[in-house]
Amino acid sequence: MADLSVIKSTLNYVIDWMQARINERTSWDGVTIIIISIIALIATPLVKYAGWIGLGYGAWTLWKREKVQ
């Protein structure tokens, strides 16, 4: 039973700590920065592919003649 009380007190401490942090502005700033950083890390390879596709499309439109009707 001693182990259960230790687990409960630890769980209560963690929950109290998290609830205290939710009300702080700096915690929201930190979460926002973390989310934007994760998005940037995930999107970086996609931006490189979009750049190559754009470069290819630009070269193709430069090479292709315009149809005059």
Foldseek 3Di string as FASTA:
>chain_A
DVVVVVVVVVVVVVVVVVVVLVPDPVSVVVVVVVVVVVVCVVCVVVVVVVVVVVVVVVVVVVPDDDDDD
